[in-house]
Amino acid sequence: MKMETRNALPEDFDFLLELTRGNMERIVTKEWNADWEKDVEPNFVNLWKNQGEKKIIEVDNRRVGYFWFEQHSEKKVEIK
């Protein structure tokens, strides 16, 4: 078994959205009382197009996950 990472491509978007929905939809609807399709998915789509660096994780040339480094314009407060 060989794991590799690569830059995400536009054709990876459906995989990313499906994986994220599968992992997050229950939290979004039950814990946050939000609607996935109305409240979350449009923001996800917009951020995908505009922000951050996205990497695909592949095992034996099969997509199994991703990670995404978002870029925030707000300065974070450092806790000491």
C-alpha atoms as a PDB file:
ATOM      1  CA  MET A   1       0.000   0.000   0.000  1.00  0.00           C
ATOM      2  CA  LYS A   2       1.455   3.359  -1.049  1.00  0.00           C
ATOM      3  CA  MET A   3       0.124   6.705   0.193  1.00  0.00           C
ATOM      4  CA  GLU A   4       0.804   9.893  -1.753  1.00  0.00           C
ATOM      5  CA  THR A   5      -0.435  13.461  -1.806  1.00  0.00           C
ATOM      6  CA  ARG A   6      -0.986  15.694  -4.791  1.00  0.00           C
ATOM      7  CA  ASN A   7      -2.512  19.058  -5.565  1.00  0.00           C
ATOM      8  CA  ALA A   8      -6.288  18.953  -5.852  1.00  0.00           C
ATOM      9  CA  LEU A   9      -7.711  19.394  -9.338  1.00  0.00           C
ATOM     10  CA  PRO A  10     -11.113  20.770 -10.379  1.00  0.00           C
ATOM     11  CA  GLU A  11     -12.288  17.229 -11.105  1.00  0.00           C
ATOM     12  CA  ASP A  12     -11.651  16.344  -7.427  1.00  0.00           C
ATOM     13  CA  PHE A  13     -14.340  18.732  -6.202  1.00  0.00           C
ATOM     14  CA  ASP A  14     -17.240  16.236  -6.233  1.00  0.00           C
ATOM     15  CA  PHE A  15     -15.145  13.791  -4.181  1.00  0.00           C
ATOM     16  CA  LEU A  16     -14.257  16.509  -1.662  1.00  0.00           C
ATOM     17  CA  LEU A  17     -17.837  17.673  -1.330  1.00  0.00           C
ATOM     18  CA  GLU A  18     -19.195  14.133  -0.920  1.00  0.00           C
ATOM     19  CA  LEU A  19     -16.545  13.202   1.649  1.00  0.00           C
ATOM     20  CA  THR A  20     -17.078  16.415   3.616  1.00  0.00           C
ATOM     21  CA  ARG A  21     -20.836  15.998   3.581  1.00  0.00           C
ATOM     22  CA  GLY A  22     -20.538  12.399   4.755  1.00  0.00           C
ATOM     23  CA  ASN A  23     -18.311  13.447   7.640  1.00  0.00           C
ATOM     24  CA  MET A  24     -20.024  16.695   8.627  1.00  0.00           C
ATOM     25  CA  GLU A  25     -23.713  16.596   7.716  1.00  0.00           C
ATOM     26  CA  ARG A  26     -24.869  15.040  10.992  1.00  0.00           C
ATOM     27  CA  ILE A  27     -22.894  17.589  13.012  1.00  0.00           C
ATOM     28  CA  VAL A  28     -24.189  20.459  10.886  1.00  0.00           C
ATOM     29  CA  THR A  29     -27.831  19.433  11.122  1.00  0.00           C
ATOM     30  CA  LYS A  30     -27.993  18.029  14.670  1.00  0.00           C
ATOM     31  CA  GLU A  31     -25.449  20.095  16.600  1.00  0.00           C
ATOM     32  CA  TRP A  32     -25.418  23.379  14.692  1.00  0.00           C
ATOM     33  CA  ASN A  33     -29.099  23.287  13.652  1.00  0.00           C
ATOM     34  CA  ALA A  34     -28.102  24.288  10.120  1.00  0.00           C
ATOM     35  CA  ASP A  35     -29.199  23.046   6.729  1.00  0.00           C
ATOM     36  CA  TRP A  36     -26.393  21.444   4.716  1.00  0.00           C
ATOM     37  CA  GLU A  37     -27.632  22.464   1.264  1.00  0.00           C
ATOM     38  CA  LYS A  38     -28.727  25.968   2.222  1.00  0.00           C
ATOM     39  CA  ASP A  39     -26.200  27.005   4.866  1.00  0.00           C
ATOM     40  CA  VAL A  40     -23.039  24.955   4.392  1.00  0.00           C
ATOM     41  CA  GLU A  41     -22.630  23.734   0.835  1.00  0.00           C
ATOM     42  CA  PRO A  42     -22.765  27.184  -0.845  1.00  0.00           C
ATOM     43  CA  ASN A  43     -20.026  28.439   1.494  1.00  0.00           C
ATOM     44  CA  PHE A  44     -17.943  25.330   0.878  1.00  0.00           C
ATOM     45  CA  VAL A  45     -18.257  25.801  -2.894  1.00  0.00           C
ATOM     46  CA  ASN A  46     -17.289  29.472  -2.663  1.00  0.00           C
ATOM     47  CA  LEU A  47     -14.285  28.794  -0.441  1.00  0.00           C
ATOM     48  CA  TRP A  48     -13.156  25.936  -2.699  1.00  0.00           C
ATOM     49  CA  LYS A  49     -13.039  28.299  -5.656  1.00  0.00           C
ATOM     50  CA  ASN A  50     -11.314  31.141  -3.862  1.00  0.00           C
ATOM     51  CA  GLN A  51      -9.188  30.139  -0.898  1.00  0.00           C
ATOM     52  CA  GLY A  52      -6.373  28.020   0.284  1.00  0.00           C
ATOM     53  CA  GLU A  53      -4.259  25.157  -0.857  1.00  0.00           C
ATOM     54  CA  LYS A  54      -5.952  21.793  -1.235  1.00  0.00           C
ATOM     55  CA  LYS A  55      -4.190  18.424  -1.338  1.00  0.00           C
ATOM     56  CA  ILE A  56      -5.627  15.023  -2.188  1.00  0.00           C
ATOM     57  CA  ILE A  57      -4.491  11.943  -0.283  1.00  0.00           C
ATOM     58  CA  GLU A  58      -4.321   8.831  -2.441  1.00  0.00           C
ATOM     59  CA  VAL A  59      -3.609   5.221  -1.552  1.00  0.00           C
ATOM     60  CA  ASP A  60      -2.757   2.990  -4.503  1.00  0.00           C
ATOM     61  CA  ASN A  61      -4.023   5.716  -6.879  1.00  0.00           C
ATOM     62  CA  ARG A  62      -7.403   5.863  -5.111  1.00  0.00           C
ATOM     63  CA  ARG A  63      -8.594   9.063  -3.408  1.00  0.00           C
ATOM     64  CA  VAL A  64      -9.104   8.469   0.305  1.00  0.00           C
ATOM     65  CA  GLY A  65      -8.996  11.935   1.837  1.00  0.00           C
ATOM     66  CA  TYR A  66      -7.854  15.504   1.591  1.00  0.00           C
ATOM     67  CA  PHE A  67      -6.507  18.389   3.575  1.00  0.00           C
ATOM     68  CA  TRP A  68      -7.039  22.058   2.976  1.00  0.00           C
ATOM     69  CA  PHE A  69      -4.984  24.981   4.183  1.00  0.00           C
ATOM     70  CA  GLU A  70      -7.312  27.969   4.248  1.00  0.00           C
ATOM     71  CA  GLN A  71      -6.059  31.525   4.140  1.00  0.00           C
ATOM     72  CA  HIS A  72      -7.682  33.859   6.639  1.00  0.00           C
ATOM     73  CA  SER A  73      -7.415  37.607   6.402  1.00  0.00           C
ATOM     74  CA  GLU A  74      -8.159  38.108  10.109  1.00  0.00           C
ATOM     75  CA  LYS A  75      -5.258  38.320  12.494  1.00  0.00           C
ATOM     76  CA  LYS A  76      -5.414  35.589  15.116  1.00  0.00           C
ATOM     77  CA  VAL A  77      -4.978  36.312  18.787  1.00  0.00           C
ATOM     78  CA  GLU A  78      -2.117  34.396  20.334  1.00  0.00           C
ATOM     79  CA  ILE A  79      -2.902  32.832  23.691  1.00  0.00           C
ATOM     80  CA  LYS A  80       0.042  32.689  26.063  1.00  0.00           C
END
